[in-house]
Amino acid sequence: MRLSPSAGRTRPPRLLQRRPLRIVASGVLVIGLGLLMFLRLQDAPKAAPSAPSPAVLLLNGDTVRLDPAQVTELKLGPVETRPFQARREALGMIDFDQDHAVQVFSPYQGRIGRVLVRAGDEVRKGQVLYTVQIPDLAQAASALISAAGSLQVTSQTLQRAQGLAAGQSIPQKELQQNVADQQAADGAYRAARKTLGLFGLGSTDIDEIEKSRRVDTEMPVRSPLAGRVVARSAAEGLLVQPGAGNPPVMVADMRKLWMVASVPESEFGGYHLGQKLAVTVSAYPAKRFAGSLSYIGDVADPASHRIGLRAEVSDAGHLLRPQMLAQFTIELQAASDAPAVPENALAREGDGSISAWVTKDGQSFTRRKVVTGMTQDGSVQIVDGLKAGERIAKDRALFLSNLAQMAQN
């Protein structure tokens, strides 16, 4: 059978008419599925709210409650009782006892001939430290020898003149001239002896020079006190003169030293002469050196408004060294017991007050404002606000204060 051309052209238009219907049906299906899912979500049970923070603010804002895990990070314990002693402390410096320390200069100009001691040597009073070659000594000795000879001649001449004058063999005027010559020679002789005495020579030494008519120009320089040679710049051939330049040798008694310090004028009233004190230095932090207050300054420093203090410190073991930094502690009164807590058990609040955190059950902590006193050896004296035996957080007080502040916000 043969189809006509018109029959072959009628089928495509029907297919085109069905395609929009399919698209509409698909859209309706998608919308229906979406609506069904929305309804199911609306009917589903709501999720439980998140768990509250482990620390919950209670009561009036001064109590927090921690979970057991947080409590384990705290150190809990009772308020203890310990002795507190009113004391004053000041920083200073170790120095020589200037009453028993001396810079040994040469009393005359010359050159050092021999050095007989070294730094660190213990010396006796009067021991020779070094010698000095003195050209002027030879001149002074020569003047003595000459004066002694003139005195001898004039004395003999006067003696003869007195005998002749007794027999009226010479005029009185000649006798008087002999007397004047003898007196002038005696004056020159005495002056020559005193000049030699300025070189440190004794009467016996001067008599020996006069008798032997010889002099050793190398003179000894002796220690004026017993002690230790703490410094020595002397060397053979070094030119020295009285009081000029560095001292050739310095000797000091190191058994007693000074500690020199200064304190604010506001604390001045707490000090008096003779007060006992303990001195510590960083080299021996566990050792205390006994001393006593020996001087209180008469004038305050106009710039710093501080007053100088000086204490005598015993150091028989020669452990301290001058120029060391040191700290002294003076106990002003007898110790008295008081409630005490560690420094970390206290927190400074925003209003400037100090607080501690008290607990009874080990989980709830209540803020308690306290009044503090002295701080000694890591413990703080509680004047008011806590009693001995009350259980507190002995550390991380600042953490608890911050936690309470966060809970309030």
Protein backbone atom coordinates (compact mmCIF):
# COMPACT_ATOMS: atom_id res chain seq x y z
CA MET A 1 0.00 0.00 0.00
CA ARG A 2 1.43 3.37 -0.85
CA LEU A 3 1.12 6.30 1.47
CA SER A 4 0.32 9.63 0.21
CA PRO A 5 2.63 12.56 0.88
CA SER A 6 0.11 14.17 3.12
CA ALA A 7 -0.09 11.15 5.43
CA GLY A 8 3.66 11.25 6.09
CA ARG A 9 3.53 14.85 7.31
CA THR A 10 0.83 14.54 10.04
CA ARG A 11 2.87 12.59 12.84
CA PRO A 12 5.63 15.12 13.80
CA PRO A 13 3.22 17.85 14.96
CA ARG A 14 1.68 15.47 17.57
CA LEU A 15 5.09 14.74 19.11
CA LEU A 16 5.77 18.44 19.44
CA GLN A 17 2.43 18.94 21.20
CA ARG A 18 3.19 16.24 23.87
CA ARG A 19 6.67 17.57 24.86
CA PRO A 20 5.45 20.67 26.85
CA LEU A 21 3.15 18.45 28.86
CA ARG A 22 6.07 16.30 29.97
CA ILE A 23 8.08 19.36 31.07
CA VAL A 24 5.18 20.65 33.14
CA ALA A 25 4.70 17.26 34.79
CA SER A 26 8.40 17.08 35.74
CA GLY A 27 8.27 20.54 37.33
CA VAL A 28 5.21 19.62 39.36
CA LEU A 29 6.97 16.49 40.58
CA VAL A 30 10.07 18.44 41.72
CA ILE A 31 7.97 20.99 43.54
CA GLY A 32 6.02 18.25 45.27
CA LEU A 33 9.15 16.49 46.46
CA GLY A 34 10.57 19.78 47.78
CA LEU A 35 7.34 20.50 49.65
CA LEU A 36 7.34 17.04 51.16
CA MET A 37 10.93 17.44 52.45
CA PHE A 38 10.11 20.85 53.94
CA LEU A 39 7.13 19.42 55.82
CA ARG A 40 9.22 16.55 57.20
CA LEU A 41 11.87 18.99 58.42
CA GLN A 42 9.23 21.06 60.16
CA ASP A 43 7.91 17.97 61.94
CA ALA A 44 11.39 16.73 62.99
CA PRO A 45 12.32 17.29 66.73
CA LYS A 46 14.48 20.35 67.36
CA ALA A 47 18.15 19.83 68.33
CA ALA A 48 18.95 20.11 72.03
CA PRO A 49 20.58 23.41 73.07
CA SER A 50 24.38 23.39 73.57
CA ALA A 51 25.58 22.49 77.02
CA PRO A 52 26.18 25.43 79.35
CA SER A 53 29.68 26.62 80.18
CA PRO A 54 31.32 24.50 82.83
CA ALA A 55 31.59 27.58 85.12
CA VAL A 56 28.13 28.95 85.98
CA LEU A 57 27.64 32.25 87.78
CA LEU A 58 25.51 31.83 90.87
CA LEU A 59 23.89 34.01 93.47
CA ASN A 60 24.99 37.66 93.43
CA GLY A 61 27.85 37.44 90.95
CA ASP A 62 30.55 36.60 93.50
CA THR A 63 30.27 32.82 93.27
CA VAL A 64 31.32 30.51 90.45
CA ARG A 65 30.94 26.78 90.14
CA LEU A 66 33.55 24.73 88.29
CA ASP A 67 33.33 21.28 86.80
CA PRO A 68 35.59 18.57 88.31
CA ALA A 69 38.12 18.85 85.49
CA GLN A 70 38.68 22.54 86.20
CA VAL A 71 38.88 22.00 89.94
CA THR A 72 41.82 19.63 89.47
CA GLU A 73 43.81 22.55 88.03
CA LEU A 74 43.48 24.49 91.28
CA LYS A 75 45.43 24.03 94.48
CA LEU A 76 43.05 24.03 97.44
CA GLY A 77 44.00 24.30 101.09
CA PRO A 78 43.34 26.05 104.40
CA VAL A 79 44.45 29.53 105.37
CA GLU A 80 47.56 29.00 107.47
CA THR A 81 49.04 30.92 110.38
CA ARG A 82 52.67 32.05 110.28
CA PRO A 83 54.80 34.64 112.09
CA PHE A 84 55.25 38.05 110.49
CA GLN A 85 57.86 40.50 111.65
CA ALA A 86 57.85 44.22 110.95
CA ARG A 87 61.08 44.90 109.12
CA ARG A 88 62.76 47.41 106.87
CA GLU A 89 64.94 46.58 103.90
CA ALA A 90 67.35 48.66 101.85
CA LEU A 91 69.84 48.14 99.05
CA GLY A 92 73.42 49.29 99.38
CA MET A 93 77.04 48.43 98.80
CA ILE A 94 79.83 46.78 100.77
CA ASP A 95 82.79 49.09 101.47
CA PHE A 96 86.01 49.14 103.47
CA ASP A 97 85.86 50.17 107.09
CA GLN A 98 87.47 53.56 106.51
CA ASP A 99 88.63 53.65 110.13
CA HIS A 100 90.75 50.56 109.46
CA ALA A 101 91.88 51.06 105.87
CA VAL A 102 94.78 53.20 104.69
CA GLN A 103 96.47 54.10 101.44
CA VAL A 104 100.19 53.82 102.18
CA PHE A 105 101.92 56.60 100.26
CA SER A 106 105.62 57.32 100.48
CA PRO A 107 106.27 60.19 102.93
CA TYR A 108 109.00 61.51 100.64
CA GLN A 109 109.80 61.82 96.97
CA GLY A 110 111.99 59.22 95.29
CA ARG A 111 111.97 55.96 93.40
CA ILE A 112 110.82 52.62 94.75
CA GLY A 113 113.80 50.38 95.38
CA ARG A 114 112.19 47.12 96.55
CA VAL A 115 108.61 45.85 96.91
CA LEU A 116 108.28 43.38 99.77
CA VAL A 117 104.55 42.46 99.71
CA ARG A 118 101.94 41.23 97.26
CA ALA A 119 98.20 41.76 97.03
CA GLY A 120 96.45 39.42 99.45
CA ASP A 121 99.32 39.24 101.96
CA GLU A 122 98.54 39.64 105.64
CA VAL A 123 100.85 42.22 107.23
CA ARG A 124 101.67 43.33 110.76
CA LYS A 125 101.66 46.85 112.03
CA GLY A 126 105.11 48.32 111.35
CA GLN A 127 106.03 45.73 108.71
CA VAL A 128 108.06 47.10 105.77
CA LEU A 129 105.93 47.21 102.62
CA TYR A 130 108.42 48.74 100.17
CA THR A 131 111.55 50.89 100.15
CA VAL A 132 112.20 54.23 98.46
CA GLN A 133 115.53 55.61 97.27
CA ILE A 134 115.66 59.24 98.42
CA PRO A 135 118.32 61.61 97.06
CA ASP A 136 117.18 64.33 99.48
CA LEU A 137 118.06 62.06 102.39
CA ALA A 138 121.75 62.24 101.53
CA GLN A 139 121.60 66.02 101.55
CA ALA A 140 119.80 66.04 104.90
CA ALA A 141 122.34 63.63 106.38
CA SER A 142 125.19 65.78 105.08
CA ALA A 143 123.62 68.83 106.73
CA LEU A 144 123.44 66.92 110.03
CA ILE A 145 127.07 65.82 109.87
CA SER A 146 128.17 69.38 109.09
CA ALA A 147 126.01 70.84 111.86
CA ALA A 148 127.32 68.31 114.36
CA GLY A 149 130.90 69.24 113.49
CA SER A 150 130.19 72.96 113.79
CA LEU A 151 128.49 72.44 117.13
CA GLN A 152 131.47 70.50 118.44
CA VAL A 153 133.95 73.21 117.34
CA THR A 154 131.91 76.12 118.66
CA SER A 155 131.28 74.33 121.95
CA GLN A 156 135.00 73.74 122.46
CA THR A 157 135.80 77.34 121.48
CA LEU A 158 133.21 78.66 123.94
CA GLN A 159 134.62 76.48 126.70
CA ARG A 160 138.13 77.91 126.17
CA ALA A 161 136.80 81.44 125.94
CA GLN A 162 134.96 81.06 129.22
CA GLY A 163 138.23 79.98 130.90
CA LEU A 164 140.13 82.92 129.45
CA ALA A 165 137.38 85.34 130.34
CA ALA A 166 137.51 84.16 133.95
CA GLY A 167 141.16 85.33 134.08
CA GLN A 168 140.25 88.48 132.14
CA SER A 169 142.57 87.35 129.32
CA ILE A 170 140.02 88.20 126.59
CA PRO A 171 137.52 90.99 126.31
CA GLN A 172 133.89 90.36 127.22
CA LYS A 173 132.83 91.12 123.66
CA GLU A 174 134.81 88.15 122.32
CA LEU A 175 133.20 85.85 124.88
CA GLN A 176 129.75 86.99 123.82
CA GLN A 177 130.59 86.30 120.18
CA ASN A 178 131.67 82.76 121.06
CA VAL A 179 128.39 82.24 122.92
CA ALA A 180 126.39 83.41 119.89
CA ASP A 181 128.37 81.15 117.54
CA GLN A 182 127.77 78.15 119.77
CA GLN A 183 124.04 78.83 120.02
CA ALA A 184 123.72 79.20 116.23
CA ALA A 185 125.56 75.91 115.72
CA ASP A 186 123.32 74.21 118.27
CA GLY A 187 120.21 75.51 116.48
CA ALA A 188 121.45 74.26 113.11
CA TYR A 189 122.24 70.88 114.65
CA ARG A 190 118.76 70.50 116.15
CA ALA A 191 117.14 71.54 112.87
CA ALA A 192 119.20 68.97 110.96
CA ARG A 193 118.06 66.21 113.32
CA LYS A 194 114.41 67.23 112.92
CA THR A 195 114.81 67.25 109.14
CA LEU A 196 116.04 63.67 109.23
CA GLY A 197 113.14 62.81 111.51
CA LEU A 198 110.78 63.87 108.72
CA PHE A 199 112.13 60.95 106.69
CA GLY A 200 110.85 58.54 109.31
CA LEU A 201 114.15 58.07 111.12
CA GLY A 202 114.18 57.62 114.87
CA SER A 203 116.66 59.08 117.33
CA THR A 204 118.74 55.90 117.25
CA ASP A 205 118.95 55.99 113.45
CA ILE A 206 119.96 59.66 113.48
CA ASP A 207 122.60 59.02 116.16
CA GLU A 208 124.02 56.24 114.00
CA ILE A 209 124.28 58.55 110.97
CA GLU A 210 125.98 61.18 113.11
CA LYS A 211 128.39 58.67 114.57
CA SER A 212 129.25 56.72 111.43
CA ARG A 213 128.98 59.74 109.14
CA ARG A 214 127.24 57.52 106.59
CA VAL A 215 123.64 57.25 105.43
CA ASP A 216 121.62 54.69 103.49
CA THR A 217 119.39 56.61 101.09
CA GLU A 218 116.99 53.63 100.65
CA MET A 219 114.30 54.16 103.27
CA PRO A 220 111.59 51.70 104.35
CA VAL A 221 107.86 52.46 104.16
CA ARG A 222 105.99 50.60 106.91
CA SER A 223 102.37 49.57 107.36
CA PRO A 224 100.55 51.79 109.88
CA LEU A 225 98.15 48.98 110.84
CA ALA A 226 97.70 45.22 110.77
CA GLY A 227 95.57 43.90 107.95
CA ARG A 228 95.52 42.63 104.39
CA VAL A 229 97.18 44.13 101.33
CA VAL A 230 94.07 44.79 99.22
CA ALA A 231 95.75 46.73 96.41
CA ARG A 232 99.30 47.17 95.16
CA SER A 233 100.56 49.33 92.32
CA ALA A 234 104.15 49.58 93.60
CA ALA A 235 106.92 48.43 91.28
CA GLU A 236 110.70 48.81 91.35
CA GLY A 237 111.82 52.10 89.85
CA LEU A 238 108.38 53.75 90.11
CA LEU A 239 108.64 57.45 90.93
CA VAL A 240 106.57 58.29 94.00
CA GLN A 241 105.82 61.41 95.98
CA PRO A 242 103.65 62.13 99.02
CA GLY A 243 99.91 61.95 98.33
CA ALA A 244 100.19 62.02 94.53
CA GLY A 245 98.83 59.46 92.05
CA ASN A 246 97.70 55.96 92.97
CA PRO A 247 98.80 54.69 96.38
CA PRO A 248 101.66 52.18 96.00
CA VAL A 249 100.00 49.91 98.60
CA MET A 250 96.63 49.84 100.35
CA VAL A 251 96.16 47.94 103.60
CA ALA A 252 92.79 47.24 105.25
CA ASP A 253 91.46 45.20 108.14
CA MET A 254 88.96 42.95 106.34
CA ARG A 255 87.47 41.39 109.44
CA LYS A 256 85.00 44.24 109.64
CA LEU A 257 83.48 46.05 106.69
CA TRP A 258 80.92 48.72 106.08
CA MET A 259 77.64 48.52 104.26
CA VAL A 260 76.62 51.91 102.89
CA ALA A 261 72.97 52.46 101.89
CA SER A 262 70.31 55.13 101.65
CA VAL A 263 66.64 55.06 102.63
CA PRO A 264 63.64 57.29 101.82
CA GLU A 265 63.15 60.10 104.28
CA SER A 266 59.64 58.71 104.95
CA GLU A 267 61.28 55.67 106.62
CA PHE A 268 63.89 57.68 108.50
CA GLY A 269 62.04 57.52 111.80
CA GLY A 270 62.34 53.74 112.02
CA TYR A 271 66.13 53.70 112.37
CA HIS A 272 68.40 54.38 115.33
CA LEU A 273 72.06 53.81 116.14
CA GLY A 274 72.94 50.35 117.37
CA GLN A 275 70.07 48.54 115.63
CA LYS A 276 70.96 44.96 114.74
CA LEU A 277 70.61 43.98 111.11
CA ALA A 278 71.28 41.13 108.71
CA VAL A 279 73.14 41.66 105.44
CA THR A 280 72.77 39.40 102.38
CA VAL A 281 74.57 39.36 99.04
CA SER A 282 73.73 37.51 95.84
CA ALA A 283 76.94 35.46 96.06
CA TYR A 284 75.68 33.80 99.28
CA PRO A 285 71.86 34.10 99.19
CA ALA A 286 71.33 31.71 102.09
CA LYS A 287 73.91 33.32 104.40
CA ARG A 288 73.23 36.28 106.67
CA PHE A 289 76.04 38.51 107.92
CA ALA A 290 75.43 40.14 111.29
CA GLY A 291 75.89 43.87 111.65
CA SER A 292 74.75 46.96 113.50
CA LEU A 293 73.80 50.47 112.44
CA SER A 294 76.73 52.79 113.20
CA TYR A 295 75.84 56.01 111.37
CA ILE A 296 72.71 57.85 110.24
CA GLY A 297 73.17 60.77 107.89
CA ASP A 298 72.59 64.28 109.20
CA VAL A 299 71.39 65.72 105.87
CA ALA A 300 68.91 64.39 103.29
CA ASP A 301 69.88 64.37 99.63
CA PRO A 302 67.98 67.32 98.10
CA ALA A 303 67.50 65.52 94.76
CA SER A 304 66.41 62.05 95.88
CA HIS A 305 65.17 62.90 99.41
CA ARG A 306 67.03 59.90 100.78
CA ILE A 307 69.20 59.70 103.89
CA GLY A 308 72.48 57.80 104.07
CA LEU A 309 73.02 54.93 106.50
CA ARG A 310 76.12 52.99 107.41
CA ALA A 311 76.40 49.66 109.17
CA GLU A 312 79.39 47.75 110.51
CA VAL A 313 79.37 44.16 109.26
CA SER A 314 81.43 41.28 110.66
CA ASP A 315 83.15 39.06 108.09
CA ALA A 316 85.63 36.83 109.88
CA GLY A 317 85.56 34.34 106.98
CA HIS A 318 86.55 37.00 104.42
CA LEU A 319 83.59 36.20 102.16
CA LEU A 320 82.49 39.74 101.38
CA ARG A 321 84.26 42.06 98.96
CA PRO A 322 84.10 45.85 98.83
CA GLN A 323 81.89 47.23 96.04
CA MET A 324 79.56 44.20 96.23
CA LEU A 325 75.85 45.00 96.00
CA ALA A 326 74.11 44.04 99.22
CA GLN A 327 70.78 44.24 101.01
CA PHE A 328 70.20 44.70 104.69
CA THR A 329 67.14 43.82 106.75
CA ILE A 330 66.34 45.43 110.09
CA GLU A 331 63.72 43.83 112.32
CA LEU A 332 61.75 46.61 113.98
CA GLN A 333 59.75 44.55 116.49
CA ALA A 334 59.11 41.01 117.69
CA ALA A 335 57.33 38.61 115.33
CA SER A 336 53.56 38.03 115.71
CA ASP A 337 51.37 35.30 114.20
CA ALA A 338 48.73 36.16 111.59
CA PRO A 339 46.67 34.40 108.87
CA ALA A 340 48.75 34.01 105.71
CA VAL A 341 48.11 32.99 102.11
CA PRO A 342 50.36 32.58 99.06
CA GLU A 343 50.70 35.58 96.75
CA ASN A 344 48.92 33.68 93.93
CA ALA A 345 45.88 33.16 96.17
CA LEU A 346 45.04 36.85 95.82
CA ALA A 347 43.75 38.85 92.86
CA ARG A 348 43.50 42.59 92.39
CA GLU A 349 40.04 43.49 91.15
CA GLY A 350 39.10 46.26 88.74
CA ASP A 351 38.14 48.60 91.58
CA GLY A 352 41.56 48.18 93.19
CA SER A 353 40.45 45.86 95.98
CA ILE A 354 42.17 42.57 96.82
CA SER A 355 40.15 39.36 96.91
CA ALA A 356 40.54 35.66 97.67
CA TRP A 357 38.25 32.76 96.66
CA VAL A 358 36.75 30.70 99.48
CA THR A 359 35.19 27.24 99.02
CA LYS A 360 33.35 24.81 101.25
CA ASP A 361 32.51 21.97 98.86
CA GLY A 362 35.55 22.21 96.57
CA GLN A 363 33.47 23.19 93.51
CA SER A 364 31.72 26.44 94.35
CA PHE A 365 34.04 29.38 95.00
CA THR A 366 32.96 32.66 96.57
CA ARG A 367 34.90 35.89 96.19
CA ARG A 368 35.97 37.44 99.52
CA LYS A 369 37.55 40.89 99.77
CA VAL A 370 40.53 41.01 102.13
CA VAL A 371 42.88 43.57 103.69
CA THR A 372 46.54 42.63 103.38
CA GLY A 373 49.59 43.54 105.42
CA MET A 374 53.21 42.51 105.02
CA THR A 375 54.59 40.19 102.36
CA GLN A 376 57.44 37.97 103.54
CA ASP A 377 59.01 34.92 101.93
CA GLY A 378 56.18 34.52 99.41
CA SER A 379 53.37 34.73 101.98
CA VAL A 380 50.96 37.63 102.42
CA GLN A 381 49.66 38.65 105.83
CA ILE A 382 45.85 38.85 106.01
CA VAL A 383 44.75 41.66 108.31
CA ASP A 384 41.01 41.27 107.67
CA GLY A 385 38.68 39.12 105.54
CA LEU A 386 39.95 35.58 106.16
CA LYS A 387 40.41 33.39 109.21
CA ALA A 388 42.91 30.64 109.78
CA GLY A 389 41.54 27.27 108.66
CA GLU A 390 39.16 28.56 105.97
CA ARG A 391 39.55 26.62 102.74
CA ILE A 392 40.58 28.69 99.74
CA ALA A 393 42.00 28.42 96.25
CA LYS A 394 45.72 28.85 96.97
CA ASP A 395 46.58 29.71 93.39
CA ARG A 396 44.99 31.00 90.14
CA ALA A 397 42.87 33.55 91.96
CA LEU A 398 43.11 35.84 88.95
CA PHE A 399 41.66 33.06 86.75
CA LEU A 400 38.62 32.78 89.01
CA SER A 401 38.10 36.55 89.01
CA ASN A 402 38.25 36.63 85.21
CA LEU A 403 35.83 33.70 85.00
CA ALA A 404 33.33 35.54 87.20
CA GLN A 405 33.66 38.65 85.08
CA MET A 406 33.04 36.67 81.87
CA ALA A 407 29.97 35.03 83.37
CA GLN A 408 28.52 38.40 84.33
CA ASN A 409 28.92 39.62 80.76
